[in-house]
Amino acid sequence: MLRHLVPAAIRRPFARYSHAVEVPAGARLLLVSGQLGISVDDAIPEEAEAQAGLCFAAIAACLAEAGMGPDDIVRLNAYVTDRAHMAGYMAARDRFIADPPPASTLMIVSGFTRPEFKVEIEALAARVD
């Protein structure tokens, strides 16, 4: 069983994330590469929230392929190209993640491989079978 930690000794999280998630010995791990907001037909939406939605859909497909789901995510690393994209990313994230939420980091970066990309998200999942 995963154990989500929000220690009383430190400030509560700024958003929906846990400060730490403990993965027990023997759990299966899945590391999902950074996913970009691009559809199967190569369409890239203009809005960061729509791009984040596509990122999470890709993560969901990877999880499903491994017999896992959003509740198995223990950590998200997300990257946006501007502070203006944070709200859209967080809205998509909050629709996708389970409770209790995973550990999470959000960073603002200068860009990705193509200028139209605004969001990239990678995930670490663990499942105790």
N, C-alpha and C. Protein backbone atom coordinates (compact mmCIF):
# COMPACT_ATOMS: atom_id res chain seq x y z
N MET A 1 0.84 -1.18 0.00
CA MET A 1 0.00 0.00 0.00
C MET A 1 0.88 1.24 0.00
N LEU A 2 0.57 2.18 -0.87
CA LEU A 2 1.30 3.44 -0.92
C LEU A 2 0.93 4.30 0.29
N ARG A 3 1.90 5.04 0.79
CA ARG A 3 1.63 5.91 1.94
C ARG A 3 1.95 7.34 1.54
N HIS A 4 0.92 8.20 1.54
CA HIS A 4 1.06 9.60 1.18
C HIS A 4 1.33 10.41 2.44
N LEU A 5 2.37 11.25 2.39
CA LEU A 5 2.81 11.97 3.58
C LEU A 5 2.66 13.48 3.39
N VAL A 6 2.03 14.10 4.37
CA VAL A 6 1.95 15.56 4.46
C VAL A 6 2.28 15.89 5.92
N PRO A 7 3.58 15.95 6.26
CA PRO A 7 3.99 16.13 7.65
C PRO A 7 3.47 17.44 8.25
N ALA A 8 3.00 17.37 9.47
CA ALA A 8 2.52 18.56 10.18
C ALA A 8 3.66 19.53 10.48
N ALA A 9 4.90 19.06 10.44
CA ALA A 9 6.05 19.89 10.78
C ALA A 9 6.43 20.88 9.67
N ILE A 10 5.83 20.74 8.49
CA ILE A 10 6.13 21.67 7.40
C ILE A 10 4.84 22.25 6.85
N ARG A 11 4.95 23.34 6.09
CA ARG A 11 3.77 24.00 5.53
C ARG A 11 2.99 23.04 4.64
N ARG A 12 1.68 23.14 4.70
CA ARG A 12 0.83 22.32 3.84
C ARG A 12 1.14 22.62 2.37
N PRO A 13 0.88 21.68 1.48
CA PRO A 13 1.14 21.91 0.06
C PRO A 13 0.36 23.12 -0.49
N PHE A 14 0.95 23.78 -1.48
CA PHE A 14 0.31 24.93 -2.12
C PHE A 14 -0.89 24.53 -2.96
N ALA A 15 -0.92 23.30 -3.44
CA ALA A 15 -1.99 22.84 -4.33
C ALA A 15 -2.27 21.37 -4.01
N ARG A 16 -2.92 20.65 -4.94
CA ARG A 16 -3.25 19.24 -4.72
C ARG A 16 -2.05 18.36 -5.03
N TYR A 17 -1.21 18.17 -4.03
CA TYR A 17 -0.10 17.23 -4.11
C TYR A 17 0.29 16.82 -2.71
N SER A 18 0.95 15.71 -2.57
CA SER A 18 1.50 15.25 -1.29
C SER A 18 2.96 15.64 -1.25
N HIS A 19 3.47 15.95 -0.06
CA HIS A 19 4.89 16.26 0.05
C HIS A 19 5.76 15.04 -0.27
N ALA A 20 5.26 13.85 0.02
CA ALA A 20 6.02 12.63 -0.23
C ALA A 20 5.06 11.46 -0.38
N VAL A 21 5.52 10.42 -1.08
CA VAL A 21 4.76 9.18 -1.20
C VAL A 21 5.75 8.04 -0.98
N GLU A 22 5.44 7.19 -0.02
CA GLU A 22 6.29 6.04 0.26
C GLU A 22 5.82 4.84 -0.54
N VAL A 23 6.76 4.22 -1.26
CA VAL A 23 6.49 3.03 -2.06
C VAL A 23 7.08 1.84 -1.32
N PRO A 24 6.27 0.85 -0.98
CA PRO A 24 6.79 -0.29 -0.22
C PRO A 24 7.67 -1.20 -1.08
N ALA A 25 8.50 -1.96 -0.41
CA ALA A 25 9.35 -2.94 -1.10
C ALA A 25 8.48 -3.90 -1.88
N GLY A 26 8.96 -4.31 -3.04
CA GLY A 26 8.24 -5.28 -3.86
C GLY A 26 7.22 -4.69 -4.80
N ALA A 27 7.02 -3.37 -4.78
CA ALA A 27 6.06 -2.75 -5.69
C ALA A 27 6.62 -2.72 -7.11
N ARG A 28 5.73 -2.83 -8.10
CA ARG A 28 6.13 -2.65 -9.50
C ARG A 28 6.21 -1.16 -9.78
N LEU A 29 7.25 -0.73 -10.48
CA LEU A 29 7.40 0.68 -10.82
C LEU A 29 7.21 0.88 -12.32
N LEU A 30 6.61 2.01 -12.69
CA LEU A 30 6.44 2.40 -14.08
C LEU A 30 6.93 3.85 -14.19
N LEU A 31 7.91 4.08 -15.05
CA LEU A 31 8.42 5.42 -15.31
C LEU A 31 7.92 5.86 -16.67
N VAL A 32 7.11 6.91 -16.69
CA VAL A 32 6.51 7.39 -17.93
C VAL A 32 7.31 8.60 -18.41
N SER A 33 7.85 8.52 -19.61
CA SER A 33 8.60 9.62 -20.22
C SER A 33 7.73 10.86 -20.31
N GLY A 34 8.39 12.01 -20.46
CA GLY A 34 7.67 13.26 -20.63
C GLY A 34 6.75 13.18 -21.83
N GLN A 35 5.49 13.52 -21.61
CA GLN A 35 4.47 13.49 -22.66
C GLN A 35 4.13 14.93 -23.06
N LEU A 36 4.01 15.16 -24.36
CA LEU A 36 3.69 16.48 -24.88
C LEU A 36 2.23 16.53 -25.33
N GLY A 37 1.71 17.73 -25.44
CA GLY A 37 0.30 17.93 -25.81
C GLY A 37 0.07 17.83 -27.30
N ILE A 38 0.18 16.63 -27.82
CA ILE A 38 -0.01 16.40 -29.25
C ILE A 38 -0.91 15.17 -29.42
N SER A 39 -1.87 15.26 -30.32
CA SER A 39 -2.82 14.17 -30.52
C SER A 39 -2.24 13.11 -31.46
N VAL A 40 -2.93 12.00 -31.59
CA VAL A 40 -2.51 10.91 -32.47
C VAL A 40 -2.37 11.39 -33.92
N ASP A 41 -3.22 12.35 -34.31
CA ASP A 41 -3.15 12.87 -35.69
C ASP A 41 -2.24 14.10 -35.80
N ASP A 42 -1.36 14.29 -34.82
CA ASP A 42 -0.35 15.36 -34.79
C ASP A 42 -0.91 16.76 -34.57
N ALA A 43 -2.16 16.89 -34.14
CA ALA A 43 -2.72 18.20 -33.83
C ALA A 43 -2.20 18.65 -32.46
N ILE A 44 -1.87 19.93 -32.37
CA ILE A 44 -1.38 20.52 -31.12
C ILE A 44 -2.32 21.68 -30.78
N PRO A 45 -3.11 21.54 -29.71
CA PRO A 45 -4.02 22.62 -29.35
C PRO A 45 -3.24 23.88 -28.94
N GLU A 46 -3.86 25.02 -29.09
CA GLU A 46 -3.24 26.29 -28.72
C GLU A 46 -3.18 26.45 -27.20
N GLU A 47 -4.25 26.07 -26.51
CA GLU A 47 -4.37 26.31 -25.06
C GLU A 47 -3.56 25.31 -24.25
N ALA A 48 -2.90 25.82 -23.20
CA ALA A 48 -2.09 24.97 -22.32
C ALA A 48 -2.95 23.91 -21.63
N GLU A 49 -4.16 24.26 -21.23
CA GLU A 49 -5.02 23.28 -20.56
C GLU A 49 -5.35 22.11 -21.47
N ALA A 50 -5.62 22.38 -22.73
CA ALA A 50 -5.91 21.31 -23.70
C ALA A 50 -4.65 20.47 -23.94
N GLN A 51 -3.49 21.12 -24.03
CA GLN A 51 -2.25 20.36 -24.18
C GLN A 51 -2.02 19.47 -22.96
N ALA A 52 -2.24 20.01 -21.77
CA ALA A 52 -2.08 19.21 -20.55
C ALA A 52 -3.05 18.03 -20.55
N GLY A 53 -4.27 18.25 -21.03
CA GLY A 53 -5.23 17.16 -21.12
C GLY A 53 -4.72 16.03 -22.01
N LEU A 54 -4.09 16.39 -23.13
CA LEU A 54 -3.51 15.37 -24.01
C LEU A 54 -2.33 14.66 -23.33
N CYS A 55 -1.53 15.42 -22.58
CA CYS A 55 -0.43 14.80 -21.83
C CYS A 55 -0.97 13.76 -20.86
N PHE A 56 -2.01 14.13 -20.12
CA PHE A 56 -2.57 13.19 -19.14
C PHE A 56 -3.25 12.00 -19.83
N ALA A 57 -3.85 12.22 -20.99
CA ALA A 57 -4.43 11.09 -21.74
C ALA A 57 -3.33 10.11 -22.15
N ALA A 58 -2.19 10.63 -22.56
CA ALA A 58 -1.07 9.76 -22.94
C ALA A 58 -0.53 9.02 -21.72
N ILE A 59 -0.44 9.71 -20.60
CA ILE A 59 -0.01 9.05 -19.36
C ILE A 59 -1.00 7.96 -18.97
N ALA A 60 -2.30 8.25 -19.10
CA ALA A 60 -3.33 7.26 -18.79
C ALA A 60 -3.18 6.02 -19.67
N ALA A 61 -2.85 6.22 -20.95
CA ALA A 61 -2.67 5.09 -21.87
C ALA A 61 -1.47 4.24 -21.45
N CYS A 62 -0.39 4.90 -21.04
CA CYS A 62 0.79 4.16 -20.56
C CYS A 62 0.46 3.38 -19.28
N LEU A 63 -0.26 4.03 -18.38
CA LEU A 63 -0.66 3.36 -17.14
C LEU A 63 -1.52 2.14 -17.44
N ALA A 64 -2.51 2.31 -18.31
CA ALA A 64 -3.41 1.21 -18.66
C ALA A 64 -2.65 0.04 -19.27
N GLU A 65 -1.67 0.35 -20.11
CA GLU A 65 -0.86 -0.68 -20.75
C GLU A 65 -0.12 -1.53 -19.70
N ALA A 66 0.19 -0.90 -18.56
CA ALA A 66 0.89 -1.59 -17.47
C ALA A 66 -0.08 -2.14 -16.42
N GLY A 67 -1.39 -2.05 -16.67
CA GLY A 67 -2.37 -2.53 -15.69
C GLY A 67 -2.48 -1.61 -14.49
N MET A 68 -2.25 -0.32 -14.70
CA MET A 68 -2.30 0.67 -13.62
C MET A 68 -3.28 1.77 -13.97
N GLY A 69 -3.51 2.67 -13.01
CA GLY A 69 -4.39 3.81 -13.22
C GLY A 69 -3.86 5.04 -12.51
N PRO A 70 -4.58 6.15 -12.59
CA PRO A 70 -4.13 7.40 -11.96
C PRO A 70 -3.86 7.28 -10.46
N ASP A 71 -4.55 6.38 -9.78
CA ASP A 71 -4.32 6.22 -8.34
C ASP A 71 -2.99 5.56 -8.03
N ASP A 72 -2.30 5.03 -9.05
CA ASP A 72 -0.98 4.43 -8.87
C ASP A 72 0.15 5.44 -9.07
N ILE A 73 -0.16 6.65 -9.49
CA ILE A 73 0.88 7.66 -9.69
C ILE A 73 1.41 8.12 -8.33
N VAL A 74 2.72 8.06 -8.18
CA VAL A 74 3.34 8.52 -6.93
C VAL A 74 4.05 9.86 -7.11
N ARG A 75 4.37 10.23 -8.35
CA ARG A 75 5.04 11.50 -8.59
C ARG A 75 4.77 11.99 -10.01
N LEU A 76 4.52 13.30 -10.10
CA LEU A 76 4.42 13.99 -11.38
C LEU A 76 5.50 15.05 -11.45
N ASN A 77 6.14 15.16 -12.59
CA ASN A 77 7.02 16.28 -12.89
C ASN A 77 6.41 16.97 -14.10
N ALA A 78 6.11 18.25 -13.95
CA ALA A 78 5.48 18.99 -15.04
C ALA A 78 6.29 20.23 -15.36
N TYR A 79 6.26 20.58 -16.63
CA TYR A 79 7.03 21.71 -17.13
C TYR A 79 6.10 22.55 -18.00
N VAL A 80 6.07 23.86 -17.76
CA VAL A 80 5.30 24.79 -18.58
C VAL A 80 6.25 25.91 -19.04
N THR A 81 5.93 26.53 -20.16
CA THR A 81 6.82 27.53 -20.72
C THR A 81 6.55 28.95 -20.24
N ASP A 82 5.52 29.13 -19.40
CA ASP A 82 5.20 30.47 -18.91
C ASP A 82 4.31 30.34 -17.68
N ARG A 83 4.42 31.28 -16.76
CA ARG A 83 3.53 31.28 -15.58
C ARG A 83 2.06 31.33 -15.99
N ALA A 84 1.78 31.94 -17.11
CA ALA A 84 0.40 32.05 -17.59
C ALA A 84 -0.21 30.68 -17.87
N HIS A 85 0.60 29.65 -18.06
CA HIS A 85 0.10 28.31 -18.36
C HIS A 85 -0.13 27.46 -17.11
N MET A 86 0.26 27.96 -15.95
CA MET A 86 0.14 27.17 -14.72
C MET A 86 -1.31 26.83 -14.40
N ALA A 87 -2.21 27.79 -14.51
CA ALA A 87 -3.62 27.55 -14.15
C ALA A 87 -4.23 26.48 -15.05
N GLY A 88 -3.97 26.53 -16.34
CA GLY A 88 -4.50 25.52 -17.26
C GLY A 88 -3.95 24.15 -16.95
N TYR A 89 -2.63 24.08 -16.70
CA TYR A 89 -2.02 22.81 -16.32
C TYR A 89 -2.68 22.27 -15.05
N MET A 90 -2.81 23.12 -14.03
CA MET A 90 -3.34 22.64 -12.75
C MET A 90 -4.80 22.22 -12.86
N ALA A 91 -5.58 22.88 -13.69
CA ALA A 91 -6.97 22.47 -13.90
C ALA A 91 -7.03 21.07 -14.51
N ALA A 92 -6.20 20.82 -15.54
CA ALA A 92 -6.17 19.49 -16.16
C ALA A 92 -5.66 18.45 -15.18
N ARG A 93 -4.61 18.81 -14.42
CA ARG A 93 -4.06 17.89 -13.42
C ARG A 93 -5.11 17.51 -12.38
N ASP A 94 -5.82 18.50 -11.88
CA ASP A 94 -6.80 18.23 -10.82
C ASP A 94 -7.95 17.36 -11.31
N ARG A 95 -8.28 17.42 -12.61
CA ARG A 95 -9.31 16.52 -13.15
C ARG A 95 -8.78 15.10 -13.28
N PHE A 96 -7.47 14.94 -13.43
CA PHE A 96 -6.88 13.63 -13.70
C PHE A 96 -6.42 12.88 -12.45
N ILE A 97 -5.79 13.54 -11.51
CA ILE A 97 -5.17 12.82 -10.39
C ILE A 97 -6.21 12.31 -9.40
N ALA A 98 -5.80 11.27 -8.70
CA ALA A 98 -6.66 10.64 -7.70
C ALA A 98 -6.39 11.26 -6.34
N ASP A 99 -7.20 10.91 -5.37
CA ASP A 99 -6.97 11.29 -3.97
C ASP A 99 -6.56 10.05 -3.21
N PRO A 100 -5.55 10.12 -2.37
CA PRO A 100 -4.73 11.30 -2.13
C PRO A 100 -3.83 11.58 -3.32
N PRO A 101 -3.46 12.86 -3.52
CA PRO A 101 -2.68 13.22 -4.69
C PRO A 101 -1.22 12.77 -4.58
N PRO A 102 -0.55 12.64 -5.73
CA PRO A 102 0.86 12.24 -5.73
C PRO A 102 1.77 13.39 -5.31
N ALA A 103 3.04 13.08 -5.10
CA ALA A 103 4.06 14.12 -4.98
C ALA A 103 4.17 14.78 -6.34
N SER A 104 4.59 16.05 -6.37
CA SER A 104 4.55 16.77 -7.64
C SER A 104 5.54 17.93 -7.65
N THR A 105 6.09 18.18 -8.82
CA THR A 105 6.93 19.36 -9.05
C THR A 105 6.47 20.01 -10.34
N LEU A 106 6.37 21.34 -10.33
CA LEU A 106 6.00 22.12 -11.51
C LEU A 106 7.10 23.14 -11.74
N MET A 107 7.67 23.15 -12.94
CA MET A 107 8.75 24.07 -13.27
C MET A 107 8.41 24.88 -14.51
N ILE A 108 8.91 26.10 -14.54
CA ILE A 108 8.79 26.94 -15.72
C ILE A 108 10.11 26.82 -16.48
N VAL A 109 9.99 26.46 -17.76
CA VAL A 109 11.17 26.24 -18.59
C VAL A 109 11.14 27.17 -19.80
N SER A 110 12.27 27.27 -20.47
CA SER A 110 12.35 28.20 -21.61
C SER A 110 11.69 27.68 -22.87
N GLY A 111 11.50 26.36 -22.98
CA GLY A 111 10.83 25.83 -24.16
C GLY A 111 11.09 24.36 -24.36
N PHE A 112 10.48 23.82 -25.42
CA PHE A 112 10.58 22.41 -25.76
C PHE A 112 11.11 22.28 -27.19
N THR A 113 11.04 21.08 -27.74
CA THR A 113 11.60 20.82 -29.06
C THR A 113 10.93 21.61 -30.17
N ARG A 114 9.66 21.94 -29.98
CA ARG A 114 8.92 22.76 -30.96
C ARG A 114 8.27 23.91 -30.20
N PRO A 115 8.27 25.11 -30.76
CA PRO A 115 7.78 26.27 -30.03
C PRO A 115 6.30 26.24 -29.67
N GLU A 116 5.49 25.45 -30.37
CA GLU A 116 4.06 25.41 -30.08
C GLU A 116 3.73 24.60 -28.81
N PHE A 117 4.67 23.80 -28.33
CA PHE A 117 4.43 23.05 -27.09
C PHE A 117 4.56 23.98 -25.89
N LYS A 118 3.59 23.88 -24.98
CA LYS A 118 3.57 24.71 -23.78
C LYS A 118 3.68 23.90 -22.49
N VAL A 119 3.41 22.59 -22.57
CA VAL A 119 3.36 21.73 -21.39
C VAL A 119 4.02 20.39 -21.71
N GLU A 120 4.76 19.87 -20.75
CA GLU A 120 5.26 18.49 -20.81
C GLU A 120 5.13 17.90 -19.41
N ILE A 121 4.68 16.63 -19.35
CA ILE A 121 4.44 15.99 -18.05
C ILE A 121 5.00 14.58 -18.07
N GLU A 122 5.74 14.24 -17.02
CA GLU A 122 6.23 12.87 -16.84
C GLU A 122 5.69 12.34 -15.52
N ALA A 123 5.63 11.01 -15.40
CA ALA A 123 5.03 10.41 -14.22
C ALA A 123 5.84 9.20 -13.75
N LEU A 124 5.74 8.95 -12.47
CA LEU A 124 6.27 7.74 -11.85
C LEU A 124 5.08 7.09 -11.15
N ALA A 125 4.86 5.83 -11.45
CA ALA A 125 3.74 5.09 -10.83
C ALA A 125 4.28 3.85 -10.14
N ALA A 126 3.57 3.40 -9.14
CA ALA A 126 3.95 2.17 -8.42
C ALA A 126 2.67 1.43 -8.06
N ARG A 127 2.75 0.13 -8.17
CA ARG A 127 1.58 -0.71 -7.84
C ARG A 127 2.03 -1.89 -7.01
N VAL A 128 1.30 -2.09 -5.92
CA VAL A 128 1.53 -3.24 -5.06
C VAL A 128 0.51 -4.29 -5.47
N ASP A 129 0.98 -5.38 -6.09
CA ASP A 129 0.06 -6.42 -6.55
C ASP A 129 -0.22 -7.45 -5.46
